[in-house]
């Protein structure tokens, strides 16, 4: 088992602790989504899923992605997602958990310190990771919006990308900002908290 970024404490590897982490991160994720509901495609949910996976591992990140998308897909101020689209939304949200889990294993991340001087490096790495993950999410979900209503997969991709482009751009730019600001501050704060509490 790969230890979490916060250490390999037995308390952090227990199933009950992981379930609690999933519940807390899901609650924060949904709370921020509903708070930002008036602004289409601007949400902190994606960064929260990334942070959960980065700090506590892929299983916690995937749990947060699944439950956040499941609840927000059904109880959404913009309308309920159908089951076919909801599956693609959950898979797409999992991209952020995968990105967080993969990034925390990188050797360059282990070399970054929690000092103020390295904040720009953290910000750049996380911002670009968020942008790439969001682009992949938008391609998948825009494709899924038309996959069952067009005559070919290629048509679904082209129509989805063309009609979804304005909201995709908003989503990608906002996630570049959230991943470049919220994620490093949260992760550095968690690492400092752990260093102080030891």
N, C-alpha and C. Protein backbone atom coordinates (compact mmCIF):
# COMPACT_ATOMS: atom_id res chain seq x y z
N UNK A 1 0.84 -1.19 0.00
CA UNK A 1 0.00 0.00 0.00
C UNK A 1 0.88 1.25 0.00
N UNK A 2 0.53 2.19 -0.83
CA UNK A 2 1.27 3.45 -0.90
C UNK A 2 0.77 4.37 0.20
N UNK A 3 1.64 4.92 1.01
CA UNK A 3 1.19 5.81 2.08
C UNK A 3 0.62 7.10 1.50
N UNK A 4 -0.29 7.70 2.23
CA UNK A 4 -0.85 8.97 1.80
C UNK A 4 0.18 10.07 1.96
N UNK A 5 -0.09 11.20 1.35
CA UNK A 5 0.82 12.34 1.42
C UNK A 5 0.95 12.83 2.86
N UNK A 6 -0.06 12.54 3.68
CA UNK A 6 -0.03 12.97 5.08
C UNK A 6 0.61 11.94 5.99
N UNK A 7 1.14 10.88 5.41
CA UNK A 7 1.80 9.88 6.22
C UNK A 7 1.12 8.54 6.08
N UNK A 8 1.69 7.54 6.73
CA UNK A 8 1.14 6.20 6.64
C UNK A 8 0.54 5.76 7.97
N UNK A 9 -0.02 6.67 8.68
CA UNK A 9 -0.63 6.38 9.97
C UNK A 9 -1.71 5.32 9.81
N UNK A 10 -1.75 4.35 10.73
CA UNK A 10 -2.80 3.33 10.65
C UNK A 10 -4.20 3.94 10.72
N UNK A 11 -4.33 5.06 11.41
CA UNK A 11 -5.64 5.70 11.51
C UNK A 11 -6.14 6.18 10.15
N UNK A 12 -5.21 6.59 9.27
CA UNK A 12 -5.62 7.08 7.95
C UNK A 12 -5.90 5.95 6.96
N UNK A 13 -5.57 4.74 7.30
CA UNK A 13 -5.81 3.62 6.39
C UNK A 13 -7.02 2.78 6.80
N UNK A 14 -7.65 3.07 7.92
CA UNK A 14 -8.84 2.32 8.33
C UNK A 14 -10.02 2.66 7.44
N UNK A 15 -10.86 1.68 7.21
CA UNK A 15 -12.04 1.86 6.36
C UNK A 15 -12.98 2.93 6.92
N UNK A 16 -13.14 2.95 8.24
CA UNK A 16 -14.04 3.94 8.84
C UNK A 16 -13.51 5.36 8.65
N UNK A 17 -12.20 5.53 8.74
CA UNK A 17 -11.60 6.85 8.52
C UNK A 17 -11.78 7.28 7.07
N UNK A 18 -11.56 6.36 6.15
CA UNK A 18 -11.72 6.68 4.73
C UNK A 18 -13.16 7.02 4.41
N UNK A 19 -14.10 6.29 4.99
CA UNK A 19 -15.52 6.59 4.77
C UNK A 19 -15.86 7.98 5.30
N UNK A 20 -15.30 8.32 6.44
CA UNK A 20 -15.52 9.65 7.02
C UNK A 20 -14.93 10.74 6.13
N UNK A 21 -13.72 10.49 5.60
CA UNK A 21 -13.09 11.46 4.70
C UNK A 21 -13.92 11.66 3.44
N UNK A 22 -14.43 10.56 2.88
CA UNK A 22 -15.28 10.65 1.69
C UNK A 22 -16.52 11.48 2.01
N UNK A 23 -17.13 11.24 3.15
CA UNK A 23 -18.34 11.98 3.53
C UNK A 23 -18.06 13.47 3.70
N UNK A 24 -16.96 13.80 4.38
CA UNK A 24 -16.63 15.22 4.62
C UNK A 24 -16.30 15.93 3.30
N UNK A 25 -15.44 15.32 2.49
CA UNK A 25 -15.08 15.94 1.21
C UNK A 25 -16.28 16.04 0.27
N UNK A 26 -17.16 15.03 0.30
CA UNK A 26 -18.36 15.09 -0.53
C UNK A 26 -19.27 16.23 -0.07
N UNK A 27 -19.41 16.38 1.23
CA UNK A 27 -20.23 17.47 1.76
C UNK A 27 -19.69 18.84 1.36
N UNK A 28 -18.38 19.01 1.48
CA UNK A 28 -17.76 20.28 1.09
C UNK A 28 -17.94 20.51 -0.42
N UNK A 29 -17.74 19.44 -1.18
CA UNK A 29 -17.87 19.53 -2.63
C UNK A 29 -19.28 19.95 -3.03
N UNK A 30 -20.27 19.30 -2.46
CA UNK A 30 -21.67 19.63 -2.79
C UNK A 30 -22.04 21.03 -2.29
N UNK A 31 -21.57 21.39 -1.10
CA UNK A 31 -21.85 22.73 -0.58
C UNK A 31 -21.32 23.82 -1.48
N UNK A 32 -20.09 23.65 -1.96
CA UNK A 32 -19.52 24.67 -2.86
C UNK A 32 -20.23 24.66 -4.20
N UNK A 33 -20.67 23.49 -4.66
CA UNK A 33 -21.40 23.44 -5.94
C UNK A 33 -22.72 24.18 -5.86
N UNK A 34 -23.46 23.96 -4.78
CA UNK A 34 -24.74 24.64 -4.64
C UNK A 34 -24.54 26.15 -4.40
N UNK A 35 -23.48 26.51 -3.72
CA UNK A 35 -23.19 27.94 -3.50
C UNK A 35 -22.87 28.64 -4.82
N UNK A 36 -22.24 27.93 -5.75
CA UNK A 36 -21.86 28.51 -7.05
C UNK A 36 -22.83 28.13 -8.16
N UNK A 37 -24.00 27.62 -7.81
CA UNK A 37 -24.95 27.12 -8.81
C UNK A 37 -25.39 28.19 -9.81
N UNK A 38 -25.40 29.44 -9.41
CA UNK A 38 -25.84 30.50 -10.31
C UNK A 38 -24.84 30.78 -11.43
N UNK A 39 -23.62 30.30 -11.28
CA UNK A 39 -22.58 30.52 -12.29
C UNK A 39 -22.33 29.20 -13.01
N UNK A 40 -22.79 29.06 -14.25
CA UNK A 40 -22.65 27.77 -14.93
C UNK A 40 -21.20 27.36 -15.15
N UNK A 41 -20.93 26.10 -14.85
CA UNK A 41 -19.63 25.46 -15.08
C UNK A 41 -18.47 26.05 -14.28
N UNK A 42 -18.75 26.80 -13.25
CA UNK A 42 -17.71 27.26 -12.33
C UNK A 42 -17.99 26.57 -11.01
N UNK A 43 -17.10 25.62 -10.66
CA UNK A 43 -17.31 24.86 -9.43
C UNK A 43 -15.98 24.41 -8.85
N UNK A 44 -15.95 24.35 -7.54
CA UNK A 44 -14.75 23.95 -6.83
C UNK A 44 -14.73 22.43 -6.65
N UNK A 45 -15.82 21.75 -7.00
CA UNK A 45 -15.94 20.31 -6.82
C UNK A 45 -14.74 19.55 -7.39
N UNK A 46 -14.33 19.90 -8.58
CA UNK A 46 -13.26 19.18 -9.25
C UNK A 46 -11.95 19.28 -8.46
N UNK A 47 -11.66 20.48 -7.97
CA UNK A 47 -10.44 20.67 -7.17
C UNK A 47 -10.53 19.92 -5.86
N UNK A 48 -11.71 19.82 -5.28
CA UNK A 48 -11.88 19.10 -4.02
C UNK A 48 -11.65 17.60 -4.22
N UNK A 49 -12.15 17.06 -5.33
CA UNK A 49 -11.90 15.64 -5.64
C UNK A 49 -10.40 15.41 -5.81
N UNK A 50 -9.73 16.31 -6.53
CA UNK A 50 -8.29 16.23 -6.73
C UNK A 50 -7.54 16.27 -5.39
N UNK A 51 -7.90 17.21 -4.54
CA UNK A 51 -7.25 17.37 -3.23
C UNK A 51 -7.44 16.11 -2.38
N UNK A 52 -8.66 15.56 -2.38
CA UNK A 52 -8.94 14.35 -1.60
C UNK A 52 -8.03 13.20 -2.04
N UNK A 53 -7.90 13.03 -3.36
CA UNK A 53 -7.04 11.95 -3.87
C UNK A 53 -5.57 12.23 -3.61
N UNK A 54 -5.17 13.48 -3.74
CA UNK A 54 -3.77 13.83 -3.51
C UNK A 54 -3.37 13.59 -2.06
N UNK A 55 -4.23 14.00 -1.15
CA UNK A 55 -3.90 13.88 0.28
C UNK A 55 -4.12 12.49 0.85
N UNK A 56 -5.19 11.81 0.42
CA UNK A 56 -5.60 10.58 1.09
C UNK A 56 -5.67 9.35 0.19
N UNK A 57 -5.34 9.48 -1.07
CA UNK A 57 -5.28 8.31 -1.94
C UNK A 57 -6.42 8.22 -2.93
N UNK A 58 -6.22 7.33 -3.89
CA UNK A 58 -7.17 7.17 -4.99
C UNK A 58 -8.53 6.70 -4.51
N UNK A 59 -8.58 5.80 -3.54
CA UNK A 59 -9.87 5.30 -3.10
C UNK A 59 -10.74 6.39 -2.49
N UNK A 60 -10.15 7.27 -1.72
CA UNK A 60 -10.91 8.40 -1.16
C UNK A 60 -11.34 9.35 -2.27
N UNK A 61 -10.43 9.67 -3.19
CA UNK A 61 -10.76 10.55 -4.31
C UNK A 61 -11.88 10.01 -5.17
N UNK A 62 -11.82 8.71 -5.48
CA UNK A 62 -12.88 8.11 -6.30
C UNK A 62 -14.22 8.09 -5.56
N UNK A 63 -14.18 7.87 -4.27
CA UNK A 63 -15.41 7.91 -3.47
C UNK A 63 -16.04 9.30 -3.49
N UNK A 64 -15.21 10.32 -3.34
CA UNK A 64 -15.72 11.69 -3.38
C UNK A 64 -16.27 12.01 -4.77
N UNK A 65 -15.56 11.60 -5.81
CA UNK A 65 -16.03 11.83 -7.19
C UNK A 65 -17.37 11.15 -7.42
N UNK A 66 -17.49 9.90 -7.01
CA UNK A 66 -18.71 9.14 -7.23
C UNK A 66 -19.91 9.77 -6.51
N UNK A 67 -19.76 9.99 -5.21
CA UNK A 67 -20.91 10.48 -4.44
C UNK A 67 -21.25 11.93 -4.76
N UNK A 68 -20.24 12.75 -5.01
CA UNK A 68 -20.51 14.15 -5.37
C UNK A 68 -21.30 14.22 -6.67
N UNK A 69 -20.86 13.47 -7.68
CA UNK A 69 -21.52 13.49 -8.98
C UNK A 69 -22.89 12.83 -8.92
N UNK A 70 -23.00 11.76 -8.14
CA UNK A 70 -24.28 11.07 -8.03
C UNK A 70 -25.35 12.00 -7.45
N UNK A 71 -25.02 12.64 -6.35
CA UNK A 71 -25.99 13.55 -5.70
C UNK A 71 -26.24 14.77 -6.59
N UNK A 72 -25.16 15.40 -7.08
CA UNK A 72 -25.34 16.62 -7.88
C UNK A 72 -26.00 16.32 -9.23
N UNK A 73 -25.85 15.11 -9.73
CA UNK A 73 -26.51 14.73 -10.98
C UNK A 73 -28.01 14.62 -10.83
N UNK A 74 -28.47 14.20 -9.65
CA UNK A 74 -29.90 14.06 -9.41
C UNK A 74 -30.53 15.31 -8.83
N UNK A 75 -29.82 15.99 -7.95
CA UNK A 75 -30.36 17.19 -7.30
C UNK A 75 -29.56 18.38 -7.81
N UNK A 76 -29.89 18.81 -9.01
CA UNK A 76 -29.12 19.85 -9.69
C UNK A 76 -30.05 20.99 -10.07
N UNK A 77 -29.71 22.22 -9.71
CA UNK A 77 -30.57 23.35 -10.05
C UNK A 77 -30.72 23.57 -11.56
N UNK A 78 -29.80 23.04 -12.35
CA UNK A 78 -29.87 23.17 -13.81
C UNK A 78 -30.64 22.04 -14.47
N UNK A 79 -31.08 21.08 -13.69
CA UNK A 79 -31.85 19.95 -14.22
C UNK A 79 -31.16 18.63 -13.92
N UNK A 80 -31.97 17.61 -13.81
CA UNK A 80 -31.47 16.29 -13.47
C UNK A 80 -30.82 15.64 -14.69
N UNK A 81 -29.70 14.96 -14.47
CA UNK A 81 -29.02 14.23 -15.53
C UNK A 81 -29.67 12.87 -15.69
N UNK A 82 -29.82 12.42 -16.94
CA UNK A 82 -30.30 11.07 -17.19
C UNK A 82 -29.24 10.06 -16.77
N UNK A 83 -29.65 8.81 -16.60
CA UNK A 83 -28.73 7.79 -16.11
C UNK A 83 -27.57 7.58 -17.08
N UNK A 84 -27.83 7.68 -18.38
CA UNK A 84 -26.75 7.50 -19.35
C UNK A 84 -25.70 8.60 -19.22
N UNK A 85 -26.13 9.84 -19.12
CA UNK A 85 -25.19 10.95 -18.96
C UNK A 85 -24.53 10.91 -17.59
N UNK A 86 -25.28 10.51 -16.57
CA UNK A 86 -24.74 10.45 -15.21
C UNK A 86 -23.55 9.50 -15.12
N UNK A 87 -23.61 8.39 -15.82
CA UNK A 87 -22.48 7.46 -15.82
C UNK A 87 -21.23 8.14 -16.38
N UNK A 88 -21.38 8.88 -17.48
CA UNK A 88 -20.25 9.58 -18.07
C UNK A 88 -19.75 10.71 -17.15
N UNK A 89 -20.67 11.38 -16.46
CA UNK A 89 -20.27 12.44 -15.53
C UNK A 89 -19.43 11.87 -14.38
N UNK A 90 -19.83 10.72 -13.87
CA UNK A 90 -19.08 10.09 -12.78
C UNK A 90 -17.71 9.64 -13.27
N UNK A 91 -17.66 9.05 -14.45
CA UNK A 91 -16.37 8.64 -15.01
C UNK A 91 -15.48 9.86 -15.22
N UNK A 92 -16.05 10.93 -15.78
CA UNK A 92 -15.28 12.15 -16.00
C UNK A 92 -14.78 12.78 -14.71
N UNK A 93 -15.60 12.76 -13.68
CA UNK A 93 -15.19 13.32 -12.39
C UNK A 93 -14.05 12.50 -11.79
N UNK A 94 -14.03 11.23 -12.12
CA UNK A 94 -12.95 10.35 -11.64
C UNK A 94 -11.60 10.73 -12.22
N UNK A 95 -11.59 11.44 -13.35
CA UNK A 95 -10.32 11.91 -13.93
C UNK A 95 -9.55 12.76 -12.93
N UNK A 96 -10.28 13.57 -12.15
CA UNK A 96 -9.63 14.44 -11.17
C UNK A 96 -9.00 13.63 -10.04
N UNK A 97 -9.69 12.56 -9.62
CA UNK A 97 -9.13 11.69 -8.59
C UNK A 97 -7.89 10.98 -9.12
N UNK A 98 -7.95 10.51 -10.36
CA UNK A 98 -6.78 9.86 -10.97
C UNK A 98 -5.61 10.84 -11.07
N UNK A 99 -5.90 12.07 -11.47
CA UNK A 99 -4.84 13.09 -11.59
C UNK A 99 -4.20 13.36 -10.24
N UNK A 100 -5.01 13.51 -9.20
CA UNK A 100 -4.47 13.76 -7.86
C UNK A 100 -3.63 12.60 -7.35
N UNK A 101 -4.11 11.39 -7.58
CA UNK A 101 -3.38 10.21 -7.13
C UNK A 101 -2.08 10.03 -7.89
N UNK A 102 -2.11 10.22 -9.20
CA UNK A 102 -0.89 10.07 -10.00
C UNK A 102 0.12 11.17 -9.70
N UNK A 103 -0.37 12.40 -9.53
CA UNK A 103 0.54 13.52 -9.29
C UNK A 103 1.27 13.37 -7.95
N UNK A 104 0.59 12.89 -6.94
CA UNK A 104 1.24 12.77 -5.63
C UNK A 104 2.34 11.74 -5.63
N UNK A 105 2.34 10.83 -6.61
CA UNK A 105 3.38 9.80 -6.71
C UNK A 105 4.61 10.30 -7.47
N UNK A 106 4.48 11.45 -8.13
CA UNK A 106 5.59 11.98 -8.93
C UNK A 106 6.76 12.41 -8.08
N UNK A 107 7.96 12.15 -8.59
CA UNK A 107 9.16 12.49 -7.82
C UNK A 107 9.32 14.00 -7.66
N UNK A 108 8.88 14.78 -8.66
CA UNK A 108 9.01 16.23 -8.55
C UNK A 108 8.13 16.80 -7.45
N UNK A 109 7.00 16.18 -7.17
CA UNK A 109 6.13 16.65 -6.10
C UNK A 109 6.79 16.37 -4.75
N UNK A 110 7.47 15.25 -4.64
CA UNK A 110 8.15 14.93 -3.38
C UNK A 110 9.29 15.91 -3.10
N UNK A 111 9.84 16.52 -4.16
CA UNK A 111 10.93 17.48 -3.98
C UNK A 111 10.42 18.87 -3.60
N UNK A 112 9.14 19.14 -3.83
CA UNK A 112 8.61 20.45 -3.47
C UNK A 112 8.47 20.54 -1.96
N UNK A 113 8.85 21.66 -1.43
CA UNK A 113 8.74 21.86 0.01
C UNK A 113 7.47 22.64 0.30
N UNK A 114 7.21 22.85 1.57
CA UNK A 114 6.04 23.63 1.96
C UNK A 114 6.42 25.08 2.24
N UNK A 115 7.58 25.48 1.77
CA UNK A 115 8.03 26.85 1.98
C UNK A 115 7.32 27.80 1.01
N UNK A 116 7.21 29.04 1.39
CA UNK A 116 6.53 30.07 0.62
C UNK A 116 7.14 30.24 -0.78
N UNK A 117 8.44 30.03 -0.89
CA UNK A 117 9.12 30.24 -2.18
C UNK A 117 8.69 29.23 -3.24
N UNK A 118 8.22 28.07 -2.83
CA UNK A 118 7.84 27.05 -3.81
C UNK A 118 6.36 27.10 -4.18
N UNK A 119 5.63 28.05 -3.62
CA UNK A 119 4.19 28.13 -3.90
C UNK A 119 3.92 28.29 -5.40
N UNK A 120 4.71 29.09 -6.10
CA UNK A 120 4.50 29.29 -7.54
C UNK A 120 4.68 27.98 -8.31
N UNK A 121 5.62 27.15 -7.89
CA UNK A 121 5.81 25.85 -8.54
C UNK A 121 4.60 24.94 -8.32
N UNK A 122 4.14 24.88 -7.07
CA UNK A 122 2.94 24.10 -6.77
C UNK A 122 1.77 24.61 -7.61
N UNK A 123 1.61 25.91 -7.63
CA UNK A 123 0.50 26.53 -8.35
C UNK A 123 0.53 26.19 -9.84
N UNK A 124 1.70 26.27 -10.44
CA UNK A 124 1.85 25.96 -11.86
C UNK A 124 1.54 24.50 -12.14
N UNK A 125 2.10 23.59 -11.35
CA UNK A 125 1.89 22.16 -11.56
C UNK A 125 0.41 21.81 -11.40
N UNK A 126 -0.20 22.28 -10.32
CA UNK A 126 -1.60 21.95 -10.08
C UNK A 126 -2.53 22.62 -11.09
N UNK A 127 -2.23 23.85 -11.47
CA UNK A 127 -3.06 24.55 -12.44
C UNK A 127 -3.07 23.84 -13.79
N UNK A 128 -1.91 23.44 -14.27
CA UNK A 128 -1.82 22.74 -15.56
C UNK A 128 -2.48 21.36 -15.46
N UNK A 129 -2.30 20.68 -14.34
CA UNK A 129 -2.96 19.39 -14.14
C UNK A 129 -4.47 19.56 -14.17
N UNK A 130 -4.97 20.59 -13.52
CA UNK A 130 -6.41 20.86 -13.54
C UNK A 130 -6.92 21.18 -14.93
N UNK A 131 -6.16 21.94 -15.68
CA UNK A 131 -6.56 22.29 -17.05
C UNK A 131 -6.64 21.05 -17.93
N UNK A 132 -5.64 20.20 -17.87
CA UNK A 132 -5.63 18.98 -18.69
C UNK A 132 -6.76 18.04 -18.28
N UNK A 133 -6.95 17.86 -16.99
CA UNK A 133 -8.03 16.99 -16.50
C UNK A 133 -9.40 17.52 -16.90
N UNK A 134 -9.56 18.82 -16.84
CA UNK A 134 -10.84 19.43 -17.19
C UNK A 134 -11.10 19.32 -18.69
N UNK A 135 -10.07 19.48 -19.49
CA UNK A 135 -10.24 19.29 -20.94
C UNK A 135 -10.71 17.86 -21.22
N UNK A 136 -10.09 16.87 -20.59
CA UNK A 136 -10.49 15.48 -20.79
C UNK A 136 -11.93 15.26 -20.32
N UNK A 137 -12.29 15.84 -19.16
CA UNK A 137 -13.66 15.74 -18.65
C UNK A 137 -14.65 16.35 -19.64
N UNK A 138 -14.35 17.53 -20.15
CA UNK A 138 -15.26 18.20 -21.07
C UNK A 138 -15.42 17.45 -22.39
N UNK A 139 -14.34 16.91 -22.91
CA UNK A 139 -14.44 16.12 -24.14
C UNK A 139 -15.36 14.92 -23.90
N UNK A 140 -15.15 14.20 -22.80
CA UNK A 140 -15.97 13.02 -22.51
C UNK A 140 -17.43 13.38 -22.31
N UNK A 141 -17.70 14.37 -21.49
CA UNK A 141 -19.10 14.68 -21.17
C UNK A 141 -19.83 15.36 -22.33
N UNK A 142 -19.13 16.18 -23.10
CA UNK A 142 -19.78 16.77 -24.28
C UNK A 142 -20.07 15.70 -25.33
N UNK A 143 -19.17 14.75 -25.48
CA UNK A 143 -19.40 13.61 -26.35
C UNK A 143 -20.61 12.81 -25.86
N UNK A 144 -20.66 12.55 -24.55
CA UNK A 144 -21.75 11.75 -23.98
C UNK A 144 -23.11 12.41 -24.15
N UNK A 145 -23.14 13.73 -24.22
CA UNK A 145 -24.41 14.43 -24.39
C UNK A 145 -25.09 14.08 -25.70
N UNK A 146 -24.31 13.65 -26.70
CA UNK A 146 -24.86 13.37 -28.03
C UNK A 146 -24.63 11.94 -28.51
N UNK A 147 -23.98 11.11 -27.72
CA UNK A 147 -23.60 9.78 -28.19
C UNK A 147 -24.82 8.91 -28.55
N UNK A 148 -25.94 9.11 -27.87
CA UNK A 148 -27.12 8.29 -28.14
C UNK A 148 -28.13 8.98 -29.05
N UNK A 149 -27.82 10.18 -29.52
CA UNK A 149 -28.78 10.91 -30.37
C UNK A 149 -28.24 11.21 -31.76
N UNK A 150 -27.01 10.82 -32.05
CA UNK A 150 -26.45 11.05 -33.38
C UNK A 150 -26.23 9.72 -34.09
N UNK A 151 -25.89 9.80 -35.36
CA UNK A 151 -25.75 8.59 -36.17
C UNK A 151 -24.39 7.93 -36.05
N UNK A 152 -23.39 8.63 -35.53
CA UNK A 152 -22.07 8.03 -35.36
C UNK A 152 -21.35 8.62 -34.16
N UNK A 153 -20.35 7.92 -33.69
CA UNK A 153 -19.56 8.40 -32.57
C UNK A 153 -18.80 9.67 -32.95
N UNK A 154 -18.32 9.72 -34.19
CA UNK A 154 -17.60 10.92 -34.66
C UNK A 154 -18.52 12.13 -34.64
N UNK A 155 -19.77 11.96 -35.12
CA UNK A 155 -20.73 13.07 -35.09
C UNK A 155 -21.01 13.52 -33.66
N UNK A 156 -21.12 12.55 -32.75
CA UNK A 156 -21.36 12.89 -31.34
C UNK A 156 -20.21 13.72 -30.79
N UNK A 157 -18.99 13.36 -31.15
CA UNK A 157 -17.82 14.10 -30.68
C UNK A 157 -17.80 15.51 -31.25
N UNK A 158 -18.00 15.65 -32.55
CA UNK A 158 -17.94 16.97 -33.20
C UNK A 158 -19.07 17.87 -32.72
N UNK A 159 -20.28 17.35 -32.69
CA UNK A 159 -21.42 18.16 -32.24
C UNK A 159 -21.26 18.52 -30.76
N UNK A 160 -20.85 17.55 -29.95
CA UNK A 160 -20.66 17.82 -28.54
C UNK A 160 -19.61 18.88 -28.28
N UNK A 161 -18.49 18.78 -28.99
CA UNK A 161 -17.41 19.77 -28.81
C UNK A 161 -17.84 21.15 -29.30
N UNK A 162 -18.55 21.19 -30.42
CA UNK A 162 -18.97 22.49 -30.98
C UNK A 162 -20.01 23.17 -30.09
N UNK A 163 -21.01 22.43 -29.66
CA UNK A 163 -22.07 23.05 -28.86
C UNK A 163 -21.62 23.28 -27.41
N UNK A 164 -20.68 22.47 -26.93
CA UNK A 164 -20.23 22.61 -25.56
C UNK A 164 -19.05 23.54 -25.37
N UNK A 165 -18.50 24.06 -26.46
CA UNK A 165 -17.27 24.86 -26.38
C UNK A 165 -17.37 26.07 -25.44
N UNK A 166 -18.43 26.88 -25.52
CA UNK A 166 -18.46 28.05 -24.62
C UNK A 166 -18.41 27.68 -23.13
N UNK A 167 -19.22 26.70 -22.73
CA UNK A 167 -19.21 26.30 -21.32
C UNK A 167 -17.93 25.55 -20.97
N UNK A 168 -17.37 24.82 -21.93
CA UNK A 168 -16.11 24.11 -21.68
C UNK A 168 -14.99 25.10 -21.41
N UNK A 169 -14.94 26.18 -22.16
CA UNK A 169 -13.90 27.19 -21.96
C UNK A 169 -14.02 27.81 -20.56
N UNK A 170 -15.25 28.12 -20.16
CA UNK A 170 -15.48 28.67 -18.81
C UNK A 170 -15.01 27.66 -17.76
N UNK A 171 -15.37 26.40 -17.96
CA UNK A 171 -15.00 25.34 -17.02
C UNK A 171 -13.49 25.19 -16.93
N UNK A 172 -12.82 25.17 -18.06
CA UNK A 172 -11.37 24.97 -18.08
C UNK A 172 -10.62 26.14 -17.47
N UNK A 173 -11.04 27.36 -17.77
CA UNK A 173 -10.37 28.53 -17.21
C UNK A 173 -10.60 28.61 -15.70
N UNK A 174 -11.83 28.35 -15.27
CA UNK A 174 -12.11 28.43 -13.82
C UNK A 174 -11.35 27.33 -13.08
N UNK A 175 -11.23 26.15 -13.66
CA UNK A 175 -10.47 25.10 -12.99
C UNK A 175 -8.98 25.37 -12.99
N UNK A 176 -8.47 26.01 -14.03
CA UNK A 176 -7.07 26.44 -14.03
C UNK A 176 -6.82 27.34 -12.82
N UNK A 177 -7.74 28.24 -12.56
CA UNK A 177 -7.62 29.16 -11.42
C UNK A 177 -7.78 28.41 -10.10
N UNK A 178 -8.83 27.58 -9.98
CA UNK A 178 -9.07 26.86 -8.72
C UNK A 178 -7.94 25.88 -8.40
N UNK A 179 -7.50 25.15 -9.41
CA UNK A 179 -6.41 24.19 -9.17
C UNK A 179 -5.10 24.92 -8.87
N UNK A 180 -4.91 26.10 -9.44
CA UNK A 180 -3.69 26.85 -9.21
C UNK A 180 -3.68 27.63 -7.92
N UNK A 181 -4.84 27.80 -7.28
CA UNK A 181 -4.92 28.57 -6.03
C UNK A 181 -5.42 27.72 -4.86
N UNK A 182 -6.60 27.15 -4.98
CA UNK A 182 -7.21 26.40 -3.88
C UNK A 182 -6.42 25.14 -3.55
N UNK A 183 -6.05 24.38 -4.57
CA UNK A 183 -5.36 23.10 -4.33
C UNK A 183 -4.02 23.28 -3.62
N UNK A 184 -3.12 24.14 -4.10
CA UNK A 184 -1.84 24.25 -3.39
C UNK A 184 -1.98 24.79 -1.97
N UNK A 185 -2.86 25.75 -1.78
CA UNK A 185 -3.04 26.31 -0.43
C UNK A 185 -3.54 25.22 0.52
N UNK A 186 -4.51 24.44 0.08
CA UNK A 186 -5.07 23.39 0.92
C UNK A 186 -4.04 22.30 1.22
N UNK A 187 -3.33 21.87 0.20
CA UNK A 187 -2.36 20.79 0.38
C UNK A 187 -1.17 21.24 1.24
N UNK A 188 -0.67 22.43 0.99
CA UNK A 188 0.43 22.96 1.81
C UNK A 188 -0.02 23.15 3.25
N UNK A 189 -1.24 23.64 3.44
CA UNK A 189 -1.76 23.82 4.81
C UNK A 189 -1.88 22.47 5.52
N UNK A 190 -2.34 21.46 4.81
CA UNK A 190 -2.46 20.13 5.41
C UNK A 190 -1.09 19.58 5.79
N UNK A 191 -0.11 19.78 4.92
CA UNK A 191 1.25 19.31 5.24
C UNK A 191 1.82 20.07 6.44
N UNK A 192 1.57 21.38 6.51
CA UNK A 192 2.06 22.17 7.66
C UNK A 192 1.37 21.73 8.94
N UNK A 193 0.07 21.49 8.87
CA UNK A 193 -0.67 21.04 10.04
C UNK A 193 -0.10 19.73 10.56
N UNK A 194 0.20 18.82 9.65
CA UNK A 194 0.75 17.54 10.05
C UNK A 194 2.14 17.73 10.68
N UNK A 195 2.95 18.63 10.10
CA UNK A 195 4.29 18.87 10.63
C UNK A 195 4.21 19.47 12.04
N UNK A 196 3.24 20.33 12.29
CA UNK A 196 3.07 20.97 13.60
C UNK A 196 2.53 19.99 14.62
N UNK A 197 1.58 19.11 14.19
CA UNK A 197 0.93 18.21 15.14
C UNK A 197 1.79 17.02 15.53
N UNK A 198 2.91 16.82 14.86
CA UNK A 198 3.78 15.68 15.21
C UNK A 198 4.66 15.99 16.38
